[in-house]
Amino acid sequence: MMAGFGQGTRRYPRSRGRMGSRSGPDRATLGIIGVICAVAGFFVLGIVLGPVAIVCGWLAMGRTWSRSRPVTALVAFVLGAIDTLLAVIWLAGAASPGNGMF
């Protein structure tokens, strides 16, 4: 019996069913990117880089709190939240009349 095109007996080794979806960066990379964005956000553009760090940390954790998480993902999430909170407080202080930083 002869197998037709696409009907082979062996599947492609990196097919989606066997290896999972690999369309984006893996979790370790997302955790590292999140930590870098969180640390950079303390110095510049915290209102933008903070939420980016939160999202990267959340995706690196696998979008769940239930099981063990990589340390970098948790650090990215927490620092991103602190960074965003500080940026919002700073913007609220700078926006109020007469109470600016300068």
Protein backbone atom coordinates (compact mmCIF):
# COMPACT_ATOMS: atom_id res chain seq x y z
CA MET A 1 0.00 0.00 0.00
CA MET A 2 1.36 3.37 -0.99
CA ALA A 3 0.91 6.47 1.15
CA GLY A 4 -0.28 9.56 -0.68
CA PHE A 5 1.04 13.08 -0.26
CA GLY A 6 0.44 14.29 3.29
CA GLN A 7 -0.76 10.86 4.38
CA GLY A 8 2.55 9.49 5.62
CA THR A 9 2.79 7.08 8.52
CA ARG A 10 5.17 9.33 10.48
CA ARG A 11 4.22 12.82 11.51
CA TYR A 12 6.55 15.74 11.12
CA PRO A 13 8.59 15.78 14.37
CA ARG A 14 7.83 19.40 15.23
CA SER A 15 4.18 19.33 14.34
CA ARG A 16 1.79 21.36 16.44
CA GLY A 17 0.24 18.39 18.20
CA ARG A 18 3.51 17.09 19.53
CA MET A 19 5.46 20.21 20.46
CA GLY A 20 2.66 22.69 21.16
CA SER A 21 2.26 26.11 19.65
CA ARG A 22 5.63 27.85 19.26
CA SER A 23 4.59 31.05 17.56
CA GLY A 24 6.06 33.48 20.10
CA PRO A 25 8.92 33.76 22.60
CA ASP A 26 9.09 31.14 25.34
CA ARG A 27 8.27 31.85 28.99
CA ALA A 28 11.85 32.34 30.17
CA THR A 29 12.43 34.99 27.49
CA LEU A 30 9.19 36.77 28.38
CA GLY A 31 10.22 36.83 32.04
CA ILE A 32 13.58 38.37 31.23
CA ILE A 33 11.99 40.94 28.90
CA GLY A 34 9.52 41.82 31.65
CA VAL A 35 12.27 42.35 34.23
CA ILE A 36 14.24 44.55 31.82
CA CYS A 37 11.14 46.63 31.04
CA ALA A 38 10.33 46.98 34.75
CA VAL A 39 13.82 48.12 35.70
CA ALA A 40 14.01 50.53 32.74
CA GLY A 41 10.56 51.84 33.68
CA PHE A 42 11.88 53.13 36.99
CA PHE A 43 14.04 55.58 35.03
CA VAL A 44 12.07 56.42 31.88
CA LEU A 45 8.48 55.96 30.66
CA GLY A 46 7.23 54.07 33.70
CA ILE A 47 3.62 54.56 32.65
CA VAL A 48 4.33 52.58 29.46
CA LEU A 49 7.01 50.10 30.52
CA GLY A 50 5.26 49.15 33.77
CA PRO A 51 2.20 47.64 32.09
CA VAL A 52 4.46 45.99 29.49
CA ALA A 53 6.38 44.34 32.34
CA ILE A 54 3.11 43.22 33.97
CA VAL A 55 1.89 41.64 30.73
CA CYS A 56 5.23 39.93 30.06
CA GLY A 57 5.34 38.61 33.61
CA TRP A 58 1.77 37.35 33.42
CA LEU A 59 2.40 35.58 30.12
CA ALA A 60 5.65 34.12 31.44
CA MET A 61 3.73 32.70 34.40
CA GLY A 62 1.42 30.95 31.98
CA ARG A 63 -1.55 33.22 32.81
CA THR A 64 -2.20 31.44 36.12
CA TRP A 65 -1.40 31.78 39.81
CA SER A 66 -2.06 28.14 40.70
CA ARG A 67 1.20 26.30 40.07
CA SER A 68 4.87 27.09 40.57
CA ARG A 69 6.11 30.05 38.58
CA PRO A 70 9.53 31.11 37.35
CA VAL A 71 11.17 33.69 39.61
CA THR A 72 11.82 36.11 36.74
CA ALA A 73 8.13 36.11 35.82
CA LEU A 74 7.07 36.94 39.36
CA VAL A 75 9.75 39.64 39.67
CA ALA A 76 8.64 41.19 36.36
CA PHE A 77 5.01 41.19 37.45
CA VAL A 78 5.66 42.74 40.87
CA LEU A 79 8.18 45.34 39.68
CA GLY A 80 5.88 46.25 36.79
CA ALA A 81 3.01 46.81 39.22
CA ILE A 82 5.19 48.96 41.51
CA ASP A 83 6.51 50.86 38.50
CA THR A 84 3.01 51.56 37.19
CA LEU A 85 1.78 52.65 40.61
CA LEU A 86 4.70 55.05 41.09
CA ALA A 87 4.20 56.50 37.60
CA VAL A 88 0.50 57.11 38.27
CA ILE A 89 1.27 58.77 41.61
CA TRP A 90 3.95 60.92 39.99
CA LEU A 91 1.59 61.95 37.19
CA ALA A 92 -1.16 62.79 39.67
CA GLY A 93 1.28 64.89 41.70
CA ALA A 94 2.63 66.65 38.63
CA ALA A 95 -0.86 67.36 37.32
CA SER A 96 -2.19 68.99 40.48
CA PRO A 97 -1.92 72.79 40.41
CA GLY A 98 0.87 74.27 42.49
CA ASN A 99 2.21 70.94 43.68
CA GLY A 100 4.43 70.04 40.75
CA MET A 101 7.89 68.67 41.18
CA PHE A 102 9.60 71.89 40.01
